[in-house]
Amino acid sequence: MQETTMPNAYIKDCIHKVINITGLLYAQLRRCRDSREENMAAHCSSTRYLFLLPLLACLSFPITFGISYGMYYPKSNASWDFPYISETGNTAPESCVFGQLLNIAAVISALTVYVRYKETKQALVQYLPSSHCYRVNFATCVFGMLASFGVSMVGNFQMDSVLLVHFVGAGFAFILGSVYSWLQVYISFKLLMFNCSRPIFFVRIICSLIVTIFLIGTVVGSFLYGVYPRNQSYRLWSTTSEWIMAFGLALLFASFAKEFRTIKFEKPRISIIQEKLQKA
């Protein structure tokens, strides 16, 4: 009887151990699943609205120009005159608002340029690993950053204050912005049907054509108005071209929204170095 009881007790003990081990494994798997879901939720929360960044960059410029023009128009003497963008923020107080909002727009556009650079770089690694477009992509980022810096220069240095620096900033913003737009067309062509659709590709071509054509119109109209100052139609031609050119660049940023929906942005991790903290 004793010999029969011992195996039964041993079997029950083994069963209890198996149940305990199974419970521990299940709890560990559940913790891992919860941790993975939390990480996925964190990633989703950080990337769910990333597509709004290029849209915000697109809207920041019309909003800035609209507010400054709304402040400029009641003070303008000639009702028929349509100003250059910079003239709407040339004097206080509209110059303060114009400069502040343009600085914000420059930061947003620079962030958009950087994220677009990283997204394109990853797409090239995945789809075209042996392509020479890596250098083109880097050059595109440089031109985009310089164009954004030019926007900040335009806002901080008014025409009546520092004309030369203002013109340099405008050249950075519009001329380098035009180069940036055509480089984006080239990269989009290389990535066509991988992560860039045909409609988006054609939208970028149209935006680049608008920027280039009306950039030439702005320069030519300004030159002709300088030669024939009595002919106000040349000035109107130049100022209207500048506004259309600026909106063309803004629409180019908006075209990035679709690609920005497909990328994941991971938050940076910051660690404290205890050794250096103790020495400090």
C-alpha atoms as a PDB file:
ATOM      1  CA  MET A   1       0.000   0.000   0.000  1.00  0.00           C
ATOM      2  CA  GLN A   2       2.868   2.309   0.799  1.00  0.00           C
ATOM      3  CA  GLU A   3       4.554   1.478  -2.498  1.00  0.00           C
ATOM      4  CA  THR A   4       1.363   2.448  -4.367  1.00  0.00           C
ATOM      5  CA  THR A   5       1.002   5.744  -2.508  1.00  0.00           C
ATOM      6  CA  MET A   6       4.540   6.949  -3.234  1.00  0.00           C
ATOM      7  CA  PRO A   7       4.253   6.848  -7.029  1.00  0.00           C
ATOM      8  CA  ASN A   8       0.916   8.639  -6.828  1.00  0.00           C
ATOM      9  CA  ALA A   9       2.425  11.403  -4.687  1.00  0.00           C
ATOM     10  CA  TYR A  10       5.382  11.675  -7.042  1.00  0.00           C
ATOM     11  CA  ILE A  11       3.068  11.957 -10.061  1.00  0.00           C
ATOM     12  CA  LYS A  12       0.973  14.626  -8.351  1.00  0.00           C
ATOM     13  CA  ASP A  13       4.131  16.569  -7.476  1.00  0.00           C
ATOM     14  CA  CYS A  14       5.294  16.422 -11.087  1.00  0.00           C
ATOM     15  CA  ILE A  15       1.897  17.576 -12.325  1.00  0.00           C
ATOM     16  CA  HIS A  16       1.984  20.552  -9.920  1.00  0.00           C
ATOM     17  CA  LYS A  17       5.474  21.480 -11.132  1.00  0.00           C
ATOM     18  CA  VAL A  18       4.402  21.302 -14.773  1.00  0.00           C
ATOM     19  CA  ILE A  19       1.356  23.486 -14.013  1.00  0.00           C
ATOM     20  CA  ASN A  20       3.527  26.033 -12.184  1.00  0.00           C
ATOM     21  CA  ILE A  21       6.100  26.142 -15.001  1.00  0.00           C
ATOM     22  CA  THR A  22       3.307  26.500 -17.584  1.00  0.00           C
ATOM     23  CA  GLY A  23       1.810  29.347 -15.580  1.00  0.00           C
ATOM     24  CA  LEU A  24       5.156  31.097 -15.358  1.00  0.00           C
ATOM     25  CA  LEU A  25       5.732  30.696 -19.100  1.00  0.00           C
ATOM     26  CA  TYR A  26       2.258  31.982 -19.855  1.00  0.00           C
ATOM     27  CA  ALA A  27       2.775  35.001 -17.606  1.00  0.00           C
ATOM     28  CA  GLN A  28       6.126  35.727 -19.256  1.00  0.00           C
ATOM     29  CA  LEU A  29       4.626  35.443 -22.751  1.00  0.00           C
ATOM     30  CA  ARG A  30       1.779  37.730 -21.722  1.00  0.00           C
ATOM     31  CA  ARG A  31       4.233  40.329 -20.390  1.00  0.00           C
ATOM     32  CA  CYS A  32       6.185  40.152 -23.649  1.00  0.00           C
ATOM     33  CA  ARG A  33       2.990  40.566 -25.664  1.00  0.00           C
ATOM     34  CA  ASP A  34       1.868  43.523 -23.562  1.00  0.00           C
ATOM     35  CA  SER A  35       5.310  45.103 -23.900  1.00  0.00           C
ATOM     36  CA  ARG A  36       5.239  44.613 -27.671  1.00  0.00           C
ATOM     37  CA  GLU A  37       1.748  46.095 -27.889  1.00  0.00           C
ATOM     38  CA  GLU A  38       2.873  49.088 -25.830  1.00  0.00           C
ATOM     39  CA  ASN A  39       5.848  49.608 -28.120  1.00  0.00           C
ATOM     40  CA  MET A  40       3.626  49.325 -31.193  1.00  0.00           C
ATOM     41  CA  ALA A  41       1.168  51.757 -29.664  1.00  0.00           C
ATOM     42  CA  ALA A  42       4.003  54.164 -28.900  1.00  0.00           C
ATOM     43  CA  HIS A  43       5.245  53.910 -32.473  1.00  0.00           C
ATOM     44  CA  CYS A  44       1.747  54.353 -33.833  1.00  0.00           C
ATOM     45  CA  SER A  45       1.131  57.353 -31.632  1.00  0.00           C
ATOM     46  CA  SER A  46       4.375  58.947 -32.826  1.00  0.00           C
ATOM     47  CA  THR A  47       3.729  58.216 -36.509  1.00  0.00           C
ATOM     48  CA  ARG A  48      -0.034  58.417 -36.807  1.00  0.00           C
ATOM     49  CA  TYR A  49       0.044  62.150 -37.426  1.00  0.00           C
ATOM     50  CA  LEU A  50       3.452  62.414 -39.130  1.00  0.00           C
ATOM     51  CA  PHE A  51       1.761  63.069 -42.476  1.00  0.00           C
ATOM     52  CA  LEU A  52       0.504  66.354 -41.034  1.00  0.00           C
ATOM     53  CA  LEU A  53       4.057  67.734 -41.002  1.00  0.00           C
ATOM     54  CA  PRO A  54       4.272  68.448 -44.780  1.00  0.00           C
ATOM     55  CA  LEU A  55       0.686  69.697 -44.747  1.00  0.00           C
ATOM     56  CA  LEU A  56       1.582  72.073 -41.926  1.00  0.00           C
ATOM     57  CA  ALA A  57       4.627  73.221 -43.912  1.00  0.00           C
ATOM     58  CA  CYS A  58       2.355  73.837 -46.901  1.00  0.00           C
ATOM     59  CA  LEU A  59      -0.192  75.832 -44.902  1.00  0.00           C
ATOM     60  CA  SER A  60       2.306  77.849 -42.861  1.00  0.00           C
ATOM     61  CA  PHE A  61       3.356  79.965 -45.845  1.00  0.00           C
ATOM     62  CA  PRO A  62      -0.123  81.001 -47.092  1.00  0.00           C
ATOM     63  CA  ILE A  63      -1.164  81.718 -43.509  1.00  0.00           C
ATOM     64  CA  THR A  64       1.917  83.905 -42.969  1.00  0.00           C
ATOM     65  CA  PHE A  65       1.454  85.780 -46.226  1.00  0.00           C
ATOM     66  CA  GLY A  66      -2.281  86.170 -45.677  1.00  0.00           C
ATOM     67  CA  ILE A  67      -1.875  87.644 -42.197  1.00  0.00           C
ATOM     68  CA  SER A  68       0.890  90.041 -43.241  1.00  0.00           C
ATOM     69  CA  TYR A  69      -1.051  91.123 -46.338  1.00  0.00           C
ATOM     70  CA  GLY A  70      -4.158  91.675 -44.219  1.00  0.00           C
ATOM     71  CA  MET A  71      -2.126  93.992 -41.980  1.00  0.00           C
ATOM     72  CA  TYR A  72      -0.438  95.693 -44.950  1.00  0.00           C
ATOM     73  CA  TYR A  73      -3.455  96.394 -47.148  1.00  0.00           C
ATOM     74  CA  PRO A  74      -5.216  99.028 -44.961  1.00  0.00           C
ATOM     75  CA  LYS A  75      -1.945 101.028 -44.828  1.00  0.00           C
ATOM     76  CA  SER A  76      -1.223 100.861 -48.583  1.00  0.00           C
ATOM     77  CA  ASN A  77      -1.766 104.108 -50.459  1.00  0.00           C
ATOM     78  CA  ALA A  78      -2.520 102.709 -53.914  1.00  0.00           C
ATOM     79  CA  SER A  79      -5.504 100.395 -54.047  1.00  0.00           C
ATOM     80  CA  TRP A  80      -4.469  99.049 -57.448  1.00  0.00           C
ATOM     81  CA  ASP A  81      -0.973  98.055 -56.307  1.00  0.00           C
ATOM     82  CA  PHE A  82      -0.309  94.389 -55.592  1.00  0.00           C
ATOM     83  CA  PRO A  83       2.841  94.118 -53.431  1.00  0.00           C
ATOM     84  CA  TYR A  84       5.745  91.730 -53.345  1.00  0.00           C
ATOM     85  CA  ILE A  85       5.532  89.238 -50.499  1.00  0.00           C
ATOM     86  CA  SER A  86       8.373  90.967 -48.662  1.00  0.00           C
ATOM     87  CA  GLU A  87       6.668  94.364 -48.897  1.00  0.00           C
ATOM     88  CA  THR A  88       3.781  93.099 -46.768  1.00  0.00           C
ATOM     89  CA  GLY A  89       6.195  92.649 -43.857  1.00  0.00           C
ATOM     90  CA  ASN A  90       8.474  95.616 -44.429  1.00  0.00           C
ATOM     91  CA  THR A  91       7.375  97.958 -41.660  1.00  0.00           C
ATOM     92  CA  ALA A  92       6.245  97.525 -38.068  1.00  0.00           C
ATOM     93  CA  PRO A  93       4.076  96.028 -36.697  1.00  0.00           C
ATOM     94  CA  GLU A  94       3.465  93.684 -39.632  1.00  0.00           C
ATOM     95  CA  SER A  95       7.231  93.128 -39.966  1.00  0.00           C
ATOM     96  CA  CYS A  96       7.273  91.588 -36.456  1.00  0.00           C
ATOM     97  CA  VAL A  97       4.446  89.191 -37.275  1.00  0.00           C
ATOM     98  CA  PHE A  98       5.902  88.458 -40.711  1.00  0.00           C
ATOM     99  CA  GLY A  99       9.333  87.643 -39.307  1.00  0.00           C
ATOM    100  CA  GLN A 100       8.028  85.501 -36.446  1.00  0.00           C
ATOM    101  CA  LEU A 101       5.701  83.449 -38.615  1.00  0.00           C
ATOM    102  CA  LEU A 102       8.305  82.998 -41.351  1.00  0.00           C
ATOM    103  CA  ASN A 103      10.803  81.706 -38.784  1.00  0.00           C
ATOM    104  CA  ILE A 104       8.241  79.138 -37.646  1.00  0.00           C
ATOM    105  CA  ALA A 105       7.515  78.208 -41.264  1.00  0.00           C
ATOM    106  CA  ALA A 106      11.250  77.843 -41.941  1.00  0.00           C
ATOM    107  CA  VAL A 107      11.667  75.428 -39.019  1.00  0.00           C
ATOM    108  CA  ILE A 108       8.666  73.347 -40.110  1.00  0.00           C
ATOM    109  CA  SER A 109       9.899  73.211 -43.712  1.00  0.00           C
ATOM    110  CA  ALA A 110      13.406  72.225 -42.565  1.00  0.00           C
ATOM    111  CA  LEU A 111      11.955  69.377 -40.487  1.00  0.00           C
ATOM    112  CA  THR A 112       9.937  68.262 -43.504  1.00  0.00           C
ATOM    113  CA  VAL A 113      13.049  68.336 -45.685  1.00  0.00           C
ATOM    114  CA  TYR A 114      14.970  66.213 -43.172  1.00  0.00           C
ATOM    115  CA  VAL A 115      12.226  63.622 -42.708  1.00  0.00           C
ATOM    116  CA  ARG A 116      11.812  63.422 -46.488  1.00  0.00           C
ATOM    117  CA  TYR A 117      15.567  62.862 -46.823  1.00  0.00           C
ATOM    118  CA  LYS A 118      15.543  60.012 -44.289  1.00  0.00           C
ATOM    119  CA  GLU A 119      12.431  58.456 -45.830  1.00  0.00           C
ATOM    120  CA  THR A 120      13.951  58.586 -49.323  1.00  0.00           C
ATOM    121  CA  LYS A 121      17.222  57.151 -48.058  1.00  0.00           C
ATOM    122  CA  GLN A 122      15.429  54.176 -46.531  1.00  0.00           C
ATOM    123  CA  ALA A 123      13.422  53.667 -49.720  1.00  0.00           C
ATOM    124  CA  LEU A 124      16.640  53.635 -51.768  1.00  0.00           C
ATOM    125  CA  VAL A 125      18.170  51.068 -49.418  1.00  0.00           C
ATOM    126  CA  GLN A 126      15.127  48.848 -49.778  1.00  0.00           C
ATOM    127  CA  TYR A 127      14.341  49.227 -53.485  1.00  0.00           C
ATOM    128  CA  LEU A 128      17.469  50.564 -55.231  1.00  0.00           C
ATOM    129  CA  PRO A 129      20.488  49.533 -53.136  1.00  0.00           C
ATOM    130  CA  SER A 130      22.967  49.919 -56.015  1.00  0.00           C
ATOM    131  CA  SER A 131      21.641  53.253 -57.247  1.00  0.00           C
ATOM    132  CA  HIS A 132      23.660  56.476 -57.384  1.00  0.00           C
ATOM    133  CA  CYS A 133      20.678  58.394 -56.028  1.00  0.00           C
ATOM    134  CA  TYR A 134      22.136  58.454 -52.505  1.00  0.00           C
ATOM    135  CA  ARG A 135      24.287  61.446 -53.409  1.00  0.00           C
ATOM    136  CA  VAL A 136      21.387  63.097 -55.195  1.00  0.00           C
ATOM    137  CA  ASN A 137      19.230  62.577 -52.124  1.00  0.00           C
ATOM    138  CA  PHE A 138      21.881  64.145 -49.887  1.00  0.00           C
ATOM    139  CA  ALA A 139      22.251  67.094 -52.275  1.00  0.00           C
ATOM    140  CA  THR A 140      18.480  67.476 -52.238  1.00  0.00           C
ATOM    141  CA  CYS A 141      18.518  67.699 -48.453  1.00  0.00           C
ATOM    142  CA  VAL A 142      21.274  70.342 -48.556  1.00  0.00           C
ATOM    143  CA  PHE A 143      19.370  72.482 -51.067  1.00  0.00           C
ATOM    144  CA  GLY A 144      16.177  72.116 -49.063  1.00  0.00           C
ATOM    145  CA  MET A 145      17.876  73.157 -45.831  1.00  0.00           C
ATOM    146  CA  LEU A 146      19.476  76.174 -47.508  1.00  0.00           C
ATOM    147  CA  ALA A 147      16.111  77.155 -48.976  1.00  0.00           C
ATOM    148  CA  SER A 148      14.534  76.951 -45.510  1.00  0.00           C
ATOM    149  CA  PHE A 149      17.380  79.053 -44.113  1.00  0.00           C
ATOM    150  CA  GLY A 150      16.706  81.577 -46.866  1.00  0.00           C
ATOM    151  CA  VAL A 151      13.085  81.814 -45.764  1.00  0.00           C
ATOM    152  CA  SER A 152      14.269  82.719 -42.271  1.00  0.00           C
ATOM    153  CA  MET A 153      16.636  85.343 -43.709  1.00  0.00           C
ATOM    154  CA  VAL A 154      13.785  86.925 -45.654  1.00  0.00           C
ATOM    155  CA  GLY A 155      11.722  87.218 -42.482  1.00  0.00           C
ATOM    156  CA  ASN A 156      14.525  88.579 -40.295  1.00  0.00           C
ATOM    157  CA  PHE A 157      16.079  91.101 -42.712  1.00  0.00           C
ATOM    158  CA  GLN A 158      13.509  93.466 -44.175  1.00  0.00           C
ATOM    159  CA  MET A 159      13.949  95.200 -47.540  1.00  0.00           C
ATOM    160  CA  ASP A 160      14.284  98.689 -46.074  1.00  0.00           C
ATOM    161  CA  SER A 161      16.739  97.537 -43.409  1.00  0.00           C
ATOM    162  CA  VAL A 162      19.304  95.205 -45.009  1.00  0.00           C
ATOM    163  CA  LEU A 163      18.428  94.928 -48.694  1.00  0.00           C
ATOM    164  CA  LEU A 164      21.426  92.828 -49.777  1.00  0.00           C
ATOM    165  CA  VAL A 165      20.925  90.152 -47.111  1.00  0.00           C
ATOM    166  CA  HIS A 166      17.204  90.145 -47.866  1.00  0.00           C
ATOM    167  CA  PHE A 167      17.883  89.470 -51.555  1.00  0.00           C
ATOM    168  CA  VAL A 168      20.382  86.729 -50.683  1.00  0.00           C
ATOM    169  CA  GLY A 169      17.739  85.068 -48.526  1.00  0.00           C
ATOM    170  CA  ALA A 170      15.139  85.392 -51.288  1.00  0.00           C
ATOM    171  CA  GLY A 171      17.602  83.823 -53.727  1.00  0.00           C
ATOM    172  CA  PHE A 172      18.173  80.932 -51.349  1.00  0.00           C
ATOM    173  CA  ALA A 173      14.446  80.454 -50.820  1.00  0.00           C
ATOM    174  CA  PHE A 174      13.295  80.634 -54.428  1.00  0.00           C
ATOM    175  CA  ILE A 175      16.261  79.669 -56.622  1.00  0.00           C
ATOM    176  CA  LEU A 176      17.464  76.819 -54.399  1.00  0.00           C
ATOM    177  CA  GLY A 177      13.836  75.943 -53.746  1.00  0.00           C
ATOM    178  CA  SER A 178      13.375  75.507 -57.486  1.00  0.00           C
ATOM    179  CA  VAL A 179      16.441  73.251 -57.651  1.00  0.00           C
ATOM    180  CA  TYR A 180      15.072  71.285 -54.696  1.00  0.00           C
ATOM    181  CA  SER A 181      11.749  70.755 -56.462  1.00  0.00           C
ATOM    182  CA  TRP A 182      13.377  69.377 -59.622  1.00  0.00           C
ATOM    183  CA  LEU A 183      15.634  67.075 -57.611  1.00  0.00           C
ATOM    184  CA  GLN A 184      12.522  65.739 -55.915  1.00  0.00           C
ATOM    185  CA  VAL A 185      11.059  65.089 -59.364  1.00  0.00           C
ATOM    186  CA  TYR A 186      14.188  63.131 -60.298  1.00  0.00           C
ATOM    187  CA  ILE A 187      14.120  61.036 -57.115  1.00  0.00           C
ATOM    188  CA  SER A 188      10.392  60.432 -57.513  1.00  0.00           C
ATOM    189  CA  PHE A 189      11.020  59.201 -61.052  1.00  0.00           C
ATOM    190  CA  LYS A 190      13.640  56.746 -59.797  1.00  0.00           C
ATOM    191  CA  LEU A 191      11.277  55.476 -57.104  1.00  0.00           C
ATOM    192  CA  LEU A 192       8.248  55.452 -59.378  1.00  0.00           C
ATOM    193  CA  MET A 193       5.955  52.485 -58.658  1.00  0.00           C
ATOM    194  CA  PHE A 194       8.000  51.588 -55.555  1.00  0.00           C
ATOM    195  CA  ASN A 195       6.874  54.178 -53.025  1.00  0.00           C
ATOM    196  CA  CYS A 196       5.810  57.013 -55.341  1.00  0.00           C
ATOM    197  CA  SER A 197       2.611  56.843 -57.376  1.00  0.00           C
ATOM    198  CA  ARG A 198       2.194  58.324 -60.837  1.00  0.00           C
ATOM    199  CA  PRO A 199      -0.325  61.010 -59.743  1.00  0.00           C
ATOM    200  CA  ILE A 200       2.066  62.274 -57.059  1.00  0.00           C
ATOM    201  CA  PHE A 201       4.922  62.226 -59.570  1.00  0.00           C
ATOM    202  CA  PHE A 202       2.955  64.373 -62.027  1.00  0.00           C
ATOM    203  CA  VAL A 203       1.880  66.726 -59.226  1.00  0.00           C
ATOM    204  CA  ARG A 204       5.555  67.329 -58.417  1.00  0.00           C
ATOM    205  CA  ILE A 205       6.332  67.983 -62.069  1.00  0.00           C
ATOM    206  CA  ILE A 206       3.532  70.563 -62.198  1.00  0.00           C
ATOM    207  CA  CYS A 207       4.739  72.209 -58.974  1.00  0.00           C
ATOM    208  CA  SER A 208       8.306  72.362 -60.304  1.00  0.00           C
ATOM    209  CA  LEU A 209       7.131  73.880 -63.597  1.00  0.00           C
ATOM    210  CA  ILE A 210       5.092  76.479 -61.707  1.00  0.00           C
ATOM    211  CA  VAL A 211       8.058  77.399 -59.513  1.00  0.00           C
ATOM    212  CA  THR A 212      10.502  77.639 -62.425  1.00  0.00           C
ATOM    213  CA  ILE A 213       8.233  79.482 -64.866  1.00  0.00           C
ATOM    214  CA  PHE A 214       7.068  82.048 -62.345  1.00  0.00           C
ATOM    215  CA  LEU A 215      10.573  82.468 -60.934  1.00  0.00           C
ATOM    216  CA  ILE A 216      11.617  83.581 -64.413  1.00  0.00           C
ATOM    217  CA  GLY A 217       8.494  85.755 -64.576  1.00  0.00           C
ATOM    218  CA  THR A 218       9.379  87.419 -61.279  1.00  0.00           C
ATOM    219  CA  VAL A 219      12.937  88.234 -62.367  1.00  0.00           C
ATOM    220  CA  VAL A 220      12.008  89.375 -65.886  1.00  0.00           C
ATOM    221  CA  GLY A 221       9.083  91.474 -64.676  1.00  0.00           C
ATOM    222  CA  SER A 222      11.234  93.139 -62.028  1.00  0.00           C
ATOM    223  CA  PHE A 223      13.949  93.901 -64.582  1.00  0.00           C
ATOM    224  CA  LEU A 224      11.490  95.393 -67.075  1.00  0.00           C
ATOM    225  CA  TYR A 225       9.873  97.491 -64.361  1.00  0.00           C
ATOM    226  CA  GLY A 226      13.317  98.816 -63.441  1.00  0.00           C
ATOM    227  CA  VAL A 227      13.862  99.832 -67.067  1.00  0.00           C
ATOM    228  CA  TYR A 228      10.334 101.177 -67.569  1.00  0.00           C
ATOM    229  CA  PRO A 229       9.189 102.350 -64.102  1.00  0.00           C
ATOM    230  CA  ARG A 230       6.088 104.071 -65.468  1.00  0.00           C
ATOM    231  CA  ASN A 231       4.681 100.825 -66.783  1.00  0.00           C
ATOM    232  CA  GLN A 232       2.975  99.369 -63.724  1.00  0.00           C
ATOM    233  CA  SER A 233       1.969  96.227 -65.604  1.00  0.00           C
ATOM    234  CA  TYR A 234       5.552  94.959 -65.370  1.00  0.00           C
ATOM    235  CA  ARG A 235       5.481  95.345 -61.599  1.00  0.00           C
ATOM    236  CA  LEU A 236       2.127  93.580 -61.394  1.00  0.00           C
ATOM    237  CA  TRP A 237       3.530  90.804 -63.576  1.00  0.00           C
ATOM    238  CA  SER A 238       6.523  90.409 -61.270  1.00  0.00           C
ATOM    239  CA  THR A 239       4.636  90.511 -57.961  1.00  0.00           C
ATOM    240  CA  THR A 240       1.904  88.130 -59.121  1.00  0.00           C
ATOM    241  CA  SER A 241       4.549  85.681 -60.360  1.00  0.00           C
ATOM    242  CA  GLU A 242       6.273  85.757 -56.980  1.00  0.00           C
ATOM    243  CA  TRP A 243       3.088  84.879 -55.118  1.00  0.00           C
ATOM    244  CA  ILE A 244       2.249  82.021 -57.499  1.00  0.00           C
ATOM    245  CA  MET A 245       5.828  80.734 -57.244  1.00  0.00           C
ATOM    246  CA  ALA A 246       5.622  80.679 -53.430  1.00  0.00           C
ATOM    247  CA  PHE A 247       2.354  78.732 -53.512  1.00  0.00           C
ATOM    248  CA  GLY A 248       3.917  76.255 -55.951  1.00  0.00           C
ATOM    249  CA  LEU A 249       6.689  75.506 -53.464  1.00  0.00           C
ATOM    250  CA  ALA A 250       4.143  75.146 -50.668  1.00  0.00           C
ATOM    251  CA  LEU A 251       2.161  72.601 -52.711  1.00  0.00           C
ATOM    252  CA  LEU A 252       5.343  70.613 -53.301  1.00  0.00           C
ATOM    253  CA  PHE A 253       5.641  70.066 -49.544  1.00  0.00           C
ATOM    254  CA  ALA A 254       2.028  68.909 -49.386  1.00  0.00           C
ATOM    255  CA  SER A 255       2.800  66.150 -51.918  1.00  0.00           C
ATOM    256  CA  PHE A 256       5.012  64.423 -49.324  1.00  0.00           C
ATOM    257  CA  ALA A 257       2.040  63.610 -47.092  1.00  0.00           C
ATOM    258  CA  LYS A 258       1.239  60.295 -48.785  1.00  0.00           C
ATOM    259  CA  GLU A 259       4.772  58.910 -48.339  1.00  0.00           C
ATOM    260  CA  PHE A 260       4.864  60.143 -44.754  1.00  0.00           C
ATOM    261  CA  ARG A 261       1.924  57.848 -43.971  1.00  0.00           C
ATOM    262  CA  THR A 262       4.060  54.795 -44.750  1.00  0.00           C
ATOM    263  CA  ILE A 263       7.042  55.513 -42.482  1.00  0.00           C
ATOM    264  CA  LYS A 264       7.669  54.874 -38.805  1.00  0.00           C
ATOM    265  CA  PHE A 265       9.329  57.484 -36.670  1.00  0.00           C
ATOM    266  CA  GLU A 266      11.074  56.212 -33.551  1.00  0.00           C
ATOM    267  CA  LYS A 267      11.475  58.549 -30.616  1.00  0.00           C
ATOM    268  CA  PRO A 268      15.064  59.308 -29.590  1.00  0.00           C
ATOM    269  CA  ARG A 269      16.341  57.672 -26.407  1.00  0.00           C
ATOM    270  CA  ILE A 270      18.383  59.698 -23.930  1.00  0.00           C
ATOM    271  CA  SER A 271      20.634  58.033 -21.341  1.00  0.00           C
ATOM    272  CA  ILE A 272      22.503  59.647 -18.458  1.00  0.00           C
ATOM    273  CA  ILE A 273      26.195  58.737 -18.170  1.00  0.00           C
ATOM    274  CA  GLN A 274      26.606  58.134 -14.458  1.00  0.00           C
ATOM    275  CA  GLU A 275      30.405  58.376 -14.505  1.00  0.00           C
ATOM    276  CA  LYS A 276      30.435  61.865 -16.010  1.00  0.00           C
ATOM    277  CA  LEU A 277      27.557  62.889 -13.767  1.00  0.00           C
ATOM    278  CA  GLN A 278      29.562  61.923 -10.675  1.00  0.00           C
ATOM    279  CA  LYS A 279      32.653  63.765 -11.945  1.00  0.00           C
ATOM    280  CA  ALA A 280      30.573  66.875 -12.588  1.00  0.00           C
END
